[in-house]
C-alpha cells in the first residue's frame, strides 16, 4: 500500500514538473536564449539569462574583430599608405561592418527576445489553440527550443562560414580586386597581409557567423509558425484586428528592424567601397539593392504567410455564415416593419431592431474586410526604410548635398 502511494506521489510530482516546464516554455518563448555561443558568453560574464550586458557584448565583439586589424595595419604601414589603393583607415566597409553592423546584430538579439517573449502565451490567451491540439502546440515549442540549443547546428554554421563564406564568397566575389590593406593581387592570386590573415580567418568569419546564425534563428521562427499553422486554429472572422485574432503576429516583424538595418549598413559599405575606389556609380547597383530589399522583406514577412490558407478559409466561411444570418435578419426586419407584421403598440422610434440591423451590417463589413495575411502595409514600409536609410548617404555621390536638398525641398514645397 505504501509502495503504491509512493509511486503515485512520484508520478504526480513528475506530471507537475512536466506541466511547469510546458507552462514556462509557453510564457518564455525566445529565439536567442540558447546555443553554444550564448552559453559561452554567459560563462564569460558577457550575458545573463535576460540578455542584458548588451553594451559589454557589443564592445567586446566589435573590438575583438576590429582592433587587431588596426594594430596590424599600423605595424605593416597600411593605415595611410599610398602604395595601396585602399588603405585601412579609408576602407569604409571594414569600419561600418565591425563598428556599426556588428553592434546592430548583437543589439537585435535583445530586441527580438523582448518582442517575441510572450508569443507562445499569446496563442493560448487568445484561445486560438483548441484544447485537443494543445499537445501539438507544445511539441512545436519544444522543437523550436531544441533546434535553438543545438550544438550540431552551430558547428554546421561554422563549417558553412569557412567552407563557403570565406573560401568562396569572400575570396572570389565580395573581396575588392585591387591592392588593399589586407591583400595584394599577384599572378597566382591574392597574397594576404598579416592584417589580412586576421581579417580573413578571425574577424570576417566571426561577423559571418553572427549573420548566418540570425538566418538560422529565422529558420527556427519560420518552422515554428509553419507547425502552428498546421493546427486548426480557432479564428474569429469578426475579430476587430481584421485577421481573425492573429493581429498580434503583425507586430512581430518590427522586432527584426535592427537586423534589416544591419543588412542595409553592410550593403551600403560594400557599395561605398566600389563607388569610391573602383569608380562605380550608385545607379549601377539598382538591381543589387532591389534584390536585397525583396530578399529581406521575404525573410521577415514571408513566415507569416503560412497562416494565409486558414485566414482565407475563415473569411470564406465567415462571409457565408454571416451572410446567411444577415439574410434571415433583414427578411424578418422587412416583414415586421415594412409588411405590416409589427405589433400595433410597438413604436418604431427607439426600437432596438434598427440598431441591431446596423450592428449586423458592421459585423459583415468586418468579415468582408478581413485580410488573408497578418501583415500590414505600415510594417512593410518601416522595414524597407530600415534597409534603405543606411544607404541614403551614398546619394551624395551622385550630386552635392546642396543640390540634393534643393531637389528634396522642391518636391516637398
Protein backbone atom coordinates (compact mmCIF):
# COMPACT_ATOMS: atom_id res chain seq x y z
CA UNK A 1 0.00 0.00 0.00
CA UNK A 2 2.78 2.42 0.96
CA UNK A 3 4.69 1.45 -2.18
CA UNK A 4 1.69 2.31 -4.39
CA UNK A 5 1.26 5.65 -2.59
CA UNK A 6 4.97 6.38 -3.12
CA UNK A 7 4.76 5.58 -6.82
CA UNK A 8 1.62 7.67 -7.17
CA UNK A 9 3.29 10.57 -5.43
CA UNK A 10 6.30 10.38 -7.77
CA UNK A 11 4.02 10.30 -10.81
CA UNK A 12 2.17 13.36 -9.53
CA UNK A 13 5.44 15.22 -8.97
CA UNK A 14 6.73 14.26 -12.41
CA UNK A 15 3.46 15.30 -14.01
CA UNK A 16 3.52 18.60 -12.12
CA UNK A 17 7.14 19.24 -13.11
CA UNK A 18 6.37 18.48 -16.74
CA UNK A 19 3.37 20.80 -16.62
CA UNK A 20 5.51 23.57 -15.14
CA UNK A 21 8.07 23.11 -17.92
CA UNK A 22 5.34 23.36 -20.56
CA UNK A 23 3.93 26.50 -18.95
CA UNK A 24 7.39 28.10 -18.80
CA UNK A 25 8.03 27.27 -22.45
CA UNK A 26 4.79 28.98 -23.45
CA UNK A 27 5.50 32.07 -21.37
CA UNK A 28 9.21 32.37 -22.19
CA UNK A 29 9.48 31.82 -25.92
CA UNK A 30 12.85 33.00 -27.23
CA UNK A 31 14.80 32.59 -30.45
CA UNK A 32 18.07 33.74 -28.89
CA UNK A 33 18.42 32.32 -25.36
CA UNK A 34 20.30 29.20 -26.33
CA UNK A 35 23.14 27.65 -28.26
CA UNK A 36 26.87 27.23 -27.58
CA UNK A 37 27.76 30.88 -28.23
CA UNK A 38 25.10 32.06 -25.79
CA UNK A 39 26.41 29.68 -23.13
CA UNK A 40 29.98 30.82 -23.82
CA UNK A 41 29.01 34.47 -23.40
CA UNK A 42 27.26 33.65 -20.13
CA UNK A 43 30.37 31.92 -18.76
CA UNK A 44 32.46 34.91 -19.85
CA UNK A 45 30.07 37.21 -17.90
CA UNK A 46 29.11 39.00 -21.12
CA UNK A 47 25.46 37.96 -20.92
CA UNK A 48 22.85 36.79 -18.46
CA UNK A 49 19.51 34.98 -18.58
CA UNK A 50 17.75 38.15 -19.74
CA UNK A 51 20.34 39.04 -22.43
CA UNK A 52 21.39 42.17 -20.56
CA UNK A 53 25.01 43.41 -20.58
CA UNK A 54 24.44 44.15 -24.25
CA UNK A 55 26.90 47.06 -24.20
CA UNK A 56 29.65 44.80 -22.89
CA UNK A 57 28.96 42.25 -25.64
CA UNK A 58 28.98 44.89 -28.34
CA UNK A 59 32.23 46.41 -27.09
CA UNK A 60 33.99 43.07 -26.72
CA UNK A 61 32.93 41.52 -30.03
CA UNK A 62 33.45 44.69 -32.09
CA UNK A 63 36.91 45.41 -30.67
CA UNK A 64 37.95 41.75 -30.89
CA UNK A 65 37.20 41.87 -34.62
CA UNK A 66 38.35 45.42 -35.44
CA UNK A 67 41.15 46.44 -33.06
CA UNK A 68 43.72 43.77 -34.17
CA UNK A 69 43.16 44.93 -37.77
CA UNK A 70 44.03 48.49 -36.78
CA UNK A 71 47.13 47.42 -34.88
CA UNK A 72 48.42 45.02 -37.56
CA UNK A 73 47.76 47.54 -40.33
CA UNK A 74 49.72 50.16 -38.38
CA UNK A 75 52.55 47.67 -37.88
CA UNK A 76 52.67 46.94 -41.63
CA UNK A 77 52.35 50.61 -42.58
CA UNK A 78 48.98 50.24 -44.29
CA UNK A 79 46.98 52.80 -42.33
CA UNK A 80 47.51 55.67 -44.79
CA UNK A 81 49.84 54.00 -47.27
CA UNK A 82 49.70 55.46 -50.79
CA UNK A 83 51.13 52.19 -52.11
CA UNK A 84 47.72 50.56 -51.73
CA UNK A 85 44.50 51.59 -53.42
CA UNK A 86 42.53 51.01 -50.23
CA UNK A 87 44.45 51.80 -47.00
CA UNK A 88 42.90 50.58 -43.75
CA UNK A 89 41.58 53.90 -42.47
CA UNK A 90 39.89 54.57 -45.82
CA UNK A 91 38.18 51.18 -46.02
CA UNK A 92 34.55 52.11 -45.41
CA UNK A 93 33.41 48.50 -45.48
CA UNK A 94 35.56 47.19 -42.64
CA UNK A 95 34.72 50.07 -40.29
CA UNK A 96 30.98 50.02 -40.93
CA UNK A 97 30.89 46.23 -40.78
CA UNK A 98 32.56 45.84 -37.38
CA UNK A 99 31.70 49.15 -35.70
CA UNK A 100 28.09 49.54 -36.90
CA UNK A 101 26.70 46.30 -38.37
CA UNK A 102 28.07 44.03 -35.61
CA UNK A 103 26.58 46.21 -32.82
CA UNK A 104 23.25 46.16 -34.65
CA UNK A 105 23.35 42.36 -34.97
CA UNK A 106 24.12 41.99 -31.27
CA UNK A 107 21.56 44.59 -30.13
CA UNK A 108 18.91 42.93 -32.32
CA UNK A 109 19.07 39.88 -30.04
CA UNK A 110 17.72 41.82 -27.07
CA UNK A 111 15.00 43.47 -29.17
CA UNK A 112 13.85 40.17 -30.70
CA UNK A 113 13.94 38.45 -27.31
CA UNK A 114 11.72 41.08 -25.71
CA UNK A 115 9.31 41.43 -28.64
CA UNK A 116 8.74 37.67 -29.09
CA UNK A 117 8.99 36.73 -25.41
CA UNK A 118 5.27 36.12 -24.87
CA UNK A 119 4.33 34.90 -28.33
CA UNK A 120 3.60 31.35 -27.16
CA UNK A 121 1.32 32.51 -24.37
CA UNK A 122 -0.43 34.91 -26.77
CA UNK A 123 -1.77 31.98 -28.80
CA UNK A 124 -3.15 30.46 -25.60
CA UNK A 125 -4.63 33.63 -24.08
CA UNK A 126 -6.49 34.42 -27.31
CA UNK A 127 -7.98 30.89 -27.35
CA UNK A 128 -6.56 30.26 -30.81
CA UNK A 129 -5.32 26.75 -29.97
CA UNK A 130 -8.12 24.22 -29.41
CA UNK A 131 -7.77 22.08 -26.31
CA UNK A 132 -7.40 18.94 -28.42
CA UNK A 133 -4.42 20.45 -30.28
CA UNK A 134 -2.58 21.77 -27.22
CA UNK A 135 -0.08 18.90 -27.27
CA UNK A 136 0.83 19.69 -30.91
CA UNK A 137 1.40 23.32 -30.00
CA UNK A 138 3.67 22.34 -27.10
CA UNK A 139 5.57 19.98 -29.42
CA UNK A 140 6.16 22.87 -31.83
CA UNK A 141 7.54 24.98 -28.96
CA UNK A 142 9.78 22.14 -27.80
CA UNK A 143 11.09 21.52 -31.31
CA UNK A 144 11.96 25.22 -31.67
CA UNK A 145 13.87 25.21 -28.38
CA UNK A 146 15.79 22.03 -29.24
CA UNK A 147 16.85 23.44 -32.59
CA UNK A 148 17.81 26.76 -31.00
CA UNK A 149 20.01 24.98 -28.44
CA UNK A 150 21.58 22.60 -30.96
CA UNK A 151 25.36 22.28 -30.71
CA UNK A 152 25.47 20.50 -34.06
CA UNK A 153 23.55 23.36 -35.65
CA UNK A 154 26.12 25.98 -34.70
CA UNK A 155 29.02 23.69 -35.66
CA UNK A 156 27.47 23.37 -39.12
CA UNK A 157 27.16 27.14 -39.30
CA UNK A 158 30.90 27.47 -38.60
CA UNK A 159 31.61 24.94 -41.36
CA UNK A 160 29.43 26.95 -43.77
CA UNK A 161 31.20 30.19 -42.83
CA UNK A 162 34.69 28.87 -43.54
CA UNK A 163 33.81 26.50 -46.39
CA UNK A 164 31.52 28.83 -48.31
CA UNK A 165 31.60 32.33 -46.81
CA UNK A 166 35.38 32.72 -46.72
CA UNK A 167 36.85 30.38 -49.32
CA UNK A 168 34.25 31.07 -51.99
CA UNK A 169 32.14 34.20 -51.41
CA UNK A 170 34.79 36.50 -49.92
CA UNK A 171 37.77 35.27 -51.93
CA UNK A 172 36.03 35.28 -55.31
CA UNK A 173 33.05 37.66 -55.13
CA UNK A 174 32.99 40.28 -52.37
CA UNK A 175 36.69 40.98 -51.84
CA UNK A 176 37.99 44.02 -53.74
CA UNK A 177 40.09 43.01 -56.72
CA UNK A 178 42.76 45.65 -56.15
CA UNK A 179 45.65 46.39 -53.78
CA UNK A 180 44.23 46.76 -50.28
CA UNK A 181 45.48 46.80 -46.70
CA UNK A 182 44.52 43.13 -46.37
CA UNK A 183 45.63 41.64 -49.70
CA UNK A 184 47.83 42.33 -52.72
CA UNK A 185 46.94 40.85 -56.14
CA UNK A 186 49.58 38.54 -57.64
CA UNK A 187 49.76 36.30 -60.70
CA UNK A 188 48.90 33.28 -58.55
CA UNK A 189 46.11 35.06 -56.63
CA UNK A 190 45.81 37.48 -53.74
CA UNK A 191 48.53 37.49 -51.07
CA UNK A 192 47.18 38.26 -47.61
CA UNK A 193 48.97 40.63 -45.26
CA UNK A 194 49.22 39.92 -41.52
CA UNK A 195 46.14 42.06 -41.01
CA UNK A 196 44.51 40.23 -43.90
CA UNK A 197 45.14 36.86 -42.22
CA UNK A 198 43.38 38.03 -39.06
CA UNK A 199 40.65 39.62 -41.18
CA UNK A 200 40.08 36.56 -43.35
CA UNK A 201 40.29 33.87 -40.68
CA UNK A 202 39.10 35.57 -37.48
CA UNK A 203 37.23 38.86 -37.92
CA UNK A 204 35.28 38.11 -41.08
CA UNK A 205 34.29 34.56 -40.01
CA UNK A 206 33.09 35.95 -36.68
CA UNK A 207 30.96 38.51 -38.48
CA UNK A 208 29.61 35.94 -40.94
CA UNK A 209 28.84 33.54 -38.11
CA UNK A 210 26.76 36.20 -36.32
CA UNK A 211 24.96 36.82 -39.61
CA UNK A 212 24.19 33.23 -40.63
CA UNK A 213 23.23 32.50 -37.02
CA UNK A 214 20.46 35.04 -37.50
CA UNK A 215 19.36 33.23 -40.66
CA UNK A 216 19.29 30.02 -38.62
CA UNK A 217 17.09 31.70 -36.00
CA UNK A 218 14.76 32.99 -38.69
CA UNK A 219 14.51 29.43 -40.00
CA UNK A 220 13.53 28.28 -36.49
CA UNK A 221 10.91 31.05 -36.33
CA UNK A 222 9.52 30.13 -39.74
CA UNK A 223 9.44 26.42 -38.84
CA UNK A 224 7.61 27.14 -35.58
CA UNK A 225 4.99 29.28 -37.34
CA UNK A 226 4.56 26.65 -40.06
CA UNK A 227 3.98 23.93 -37.45
CA UNK A 228 1.43 26.13 -35.64
CA UNK A 229 -0.30 26.85 -38.95
CA UNK A 230 -0.83 23.07 -39.38
CA UNK A 231 -3.10 23.20 -36.31
CA UNK A 232 -6.76 24.02 -36.98
CA UNK A 233 -6.85 27.40 -35.25
CA UNK A 234 -9.98 28.90 -33.68
CA UNK A 235 -10.10 32.03 -35.83
CA UNK A 236 -12.90 34.58 -35.39
CA UNK A 237 -13.85 36.28 -38.70
CA UNK A 238 -15.42 39.27 -36.89
CA UNK A 239 -12.34 40.00 -34.76
CA UNK A 240 -11.63 43.75 -34.98
CA UNK A 241 -7.97 43.18 -35.89
CA UNK A 242 -9.23 42.01 -39.33
CA UNK A 243 -7.06 38.87 -39.22
CA UNK A 244 -9.22 36.55 -37.16
CA UNK A 245 -7.38 37.24 -33.90
CA UNK A 246 -3.84 36.88 -35.27
CA UNK A 247 -3.21 40.62 -35.27
CA UNK A 248 -0.53 40.29 -32.59
CA UNK A 249 1.63 38.46 -35.14
CA UNK A 250 1.73 41.55 -37.36
CA UNK A 251 3.73 43.35 -34.67
CA UNK A 252 6.42 40.66 -34.57
CA UNK A 253 8.04 41.90 -37.78
CA UNK A 254 9.10 45.14 -36.06
CA UNK A 255 11.35 43.04 -33.83
CA UNK A 256 13.64 42.42 -36.81
CA UNK A 257 14.09 46.08 -37.81
CA UNK A 258 17.63 46.27 -36.38
CA UNK A 259 18.56 43.09 -38.24
CA UNK A 260 17.41 44.64 -41.52
CA UNK A 261 19.22 47.89 -40.68
CA UNK A 262 22.42 45.86 -40.23
CA UNK A 263 21.94 44.46 -43.74
CA UNK A 264 21.45 47.99 -45.03
CA UNK A 265 24.74 49.04 -43.43
CA UNK A 266 26.52 46.02 -44.93
CA UNK A 267 25.21 46.76 -48.41
CA UNK A 268 25.96 50.48 -48.13
CA UNK A 269 29.55 49.81 -47.02
CA UNK A 270 30.15 47.34 -49.83
CA UNK A 271 28.70 49.67 -52.48
CA UNK A 272 30.57 52.64 -50.97
CA UNK A 273 33.94 50.94 -51.43
CA UNK A 274 33.15 50.19 -55.06
CA UNK A 275 32.00 53.74 -55.69
CA UNK A 276 34.99 55.45 -54.03
CA UNK A 277 37.79 53.07 -55.06
CA UNK A 278 36.61 51.36 -58.25
CA UNK A 279 34.90 54.40 -59.84
CA UNK A 280 31.47 52.76 -59.90
CA UNK A 281 28.22 54.76 -59.75
CA UNK A 282 25.27 54.21 -57.44
CA UNK A 283 22.70 53.67 -60.27
CA UNK A 284 24.75 50.65 -61.40
CA UNK A 285 23.63 48.82 -58.26
CA UNK A 286 19.86 49.26 -58.61
CA UNK A 287 19.42 45.55 -59.24
CA UNK A 288 21.50 44.56 -56.20
CA UNK A 289 19.56 46.97 -53.96
CA UNK A 290 16.23 45.72 -55.28
CA UNK A 291 17.14 42.05 -54.87
CA UNK A 292 18.40 42.67 -51.33
CA UNK A 293 15.18 44.51 -50.44
CA UNK A 294 12.95 41.71 -51.75
CA UNK A 295 15.09 39.07 -50.03
CA UNK A 296 15.00 40.77 -46.63
CA UNK A 297 11.28 41.51 -46.73
CA UNK A 298 10.57 37.91 -47.74
CA UNK A 299 12.83 36.72 -44.93
CA UNK A 300 10.93 38.64 -42.25
CA UNK A 301 7.38 38.89 -43.63
CA UNK A 302 7.28 35.60 -45.51
CA UNK A 303 6.94 33.34 -42.43
CA UNK A 304 3.63 34.99 -41.52
CA UNK A 305 2.11 33.98 -44.85
CA UNK A 306 1.83 30.36 -43.68
CA UNK A 307 -1.44 31.39 -41.98
CA UNK A 308 -2.95 32.67 -45.24
CA UNK A 309 -4.79 29.42 -46.16
CA UNK A 310 -6.55 29.29 -42.78
CA UNK A 311 -7.34 33.01 -42.87
CA UNK A 312 -8.74 32.73 -46.39
CA UNK A 313 -10.89 29.77 -45.34
CA UNK A 314 -12.10 31.60 -42.23
CA UNK A 315 -13.04 34.60 -44.38
CA UNK A 316 -15.00 32.46 -46.85
CA UNK A 317 -16.77 30.66 -44.02
CA UNK A 318 -17.49 33.92 -42.22
CA UNK A 319 -18.93 35.57 -45.32
CA UNK A 320 -21.19 32.56 -45.87
CA UNK A 321 -22.34 32.25 -42.24
CA UNK A 322 -22.82 35.95 -41.57
CA UNK A 323 -24.41 36.37 -44.98
CA UNK A 324 -26.96 33.69 -44.07
CA UNK A 325 -27.56 35.28 -40.68
CA UNK A 326 -27.93 38.72 -42.25
CA UNK A 327 -30.40 37.40 -44.84
CA UNK A 328 -32.53 35.88 -42.09
CA UNK A 329 -32.46 39.03 -40.01
CA UNK A 330 -33.19 41.51 -42.79
CA UNK A 331 -36.05 39.35 -44.06
CA UNK A 332 -37.64 39.31 -40.61
CA UNK A 333 -36.96 43.04 -40.25
CA UNK A 334 -38.59 43.68 -43.61
CA UNK A 335 -41.65 41.59 -42.75
CA UNK A 336 -42.01 43.21 -39.37
CA UNK A 337 -41.62 46.88 -40.21
CA UNK A 338 -42.45 47.12 -43.91
CA UNK A 339 -45.07 44.39 -44.43
CA UNK A 340 -47.29 45.22 -41.51
CA UNK A 341 -46.30 42.45 -39.14
CA UNK A 342 -45.16 44.70 -36.27
CA UNK A 343 -47.41 44.80 -33.18
CA UNK A 344 -49.65 47.87 -33.17
CA UNK A 345 -48.41 49.04 -29.79
CA UNK A 346 -44.67 48.76 -30.64
CA UNK A 347 -43.19 52.14 -31.67
CA UNK A 348 -40.61 52.37 -34.41
CA UNK A 349 -38.75 55.22 -32.71
CA UNK A 350 -36.43 53.78 -30.06
CA UNK A 351 -36.73 50.22 -31.33
CA UNK A 352 -33.57 48.12 -30.87
CA UNK A 353 -34.23 46.40 -34.20
CA UNK A 354 -32.64 49.22 -36.20
CA UNK A 355 -29.51 49.30 -34.03
CA UNK A 356 -29.21 45.51 -34.29
CA UNK A 357 -29.50 45.79 -38.07
CA UNK A 358 -26.66 48.34 -38.08
CA UNK A 359 -24.53 46.17 -35.78
CA UNK A 360 -25.05 43.17 -38.04
CA UNK A 361 -24.06 45.26 -41.05
CA UNK A 362 -20.88 46.37 -39.28
CA UNK A 363 -20.01 42.77 -38.42
CA UNK A 364 -20.46 41.74 -42.04
CA UNK A 365 -18.20 44.61 -43.17
CA UNK A 366 -15.51 43.45 -40.71
CA UNK A 367 -15.65 39.95 -42.20
CA UNK A 368 -15.55 41.33 -45.74
CA UNK A 369 -12.54 43.49 -44.86
CA UNK A 370 -10.67 40.60 -43.28
CA UNK A 371 -7.08 40.25 -44.56
CA UNK A 372 -5.67 36.89 -45.55
CA UNK A 373 -2.24 37.58 -44.05
CA UNK A 374 -1.27 39.07 -40.64
CA UNK A 375 0.85 41.74 -42.35
CA UNK A 376 0.29 45.49 -42.56
CA UNK A 377 1.47 47.98 -45.14
CA UNK A 378 2.97 50.19 -42.43
CA UNK A 379 5.17 47.31 -41.29
CA UNK A 380 6.47 46.72 -44.81
CA UNK A 381 7.19 50.44 -45.28
CA UNK A 382 9.07 50.69 -41.98
CA UNK A 383 11.12 47.58 -42.68
CA UNK A 384 12.01 48.88 -46.14
CA UNK A 385 13.07 52.18 -44.57
CA UNK A 386 15.30 50.33 -42.10
CA UNK A 387 17.18 48.85 -45.07
CA UNK A 388 17.34 51.98 -47.21
CA UNK A 389 18.22 54.66 -44.62
CA UNK A 390 21.84 53.42 -44.18
CA UNK A 391 22.28 53.76 -47.94
CA UNK A 392 20.94 57.33 -48.11
CA UNK A 393 24.41 58.97 -47.71
CA UNK A 394 25.51 57.26 -50.95
CA UNK A 395 23.11 59.57 -52.79
CA UNK A 396 25.68 62.31 -52.16
CA UNK A 397 28.00 60.54 -54.60
CA UNK A 398 25.55 61.41 -57.39
CA UNK A 399 25.05 65.10 -56.57
CA UNK A 400 26.30 67.62 -53.98
CA UNK A 401 24.38 67.93 -50.72
CA UNK A 402 23.20 71.45 -51.56
CA UNK A 403 21.72 70.35 -54.89
CA UNK A 404 20.17 67.26 -53.30
CA UNK A 405 18.47 69.39 -50.63
CA UNK A 406 17.13 71.73 -53.32
CA UNK A 407 15.54 68.77 -55.10
CA UNK A 408 14.04 67.48 -51.83
CA UNK A 409 12.60 70.87 -50.88
CA UNK A 410 11.30 71.26 -54.43
CA UNK A 411 9.38 68.01 -54.06
CA UNK A 412 8.01 68.94 -50.65
CA UNK A 413 7.14 72.59 -51.30
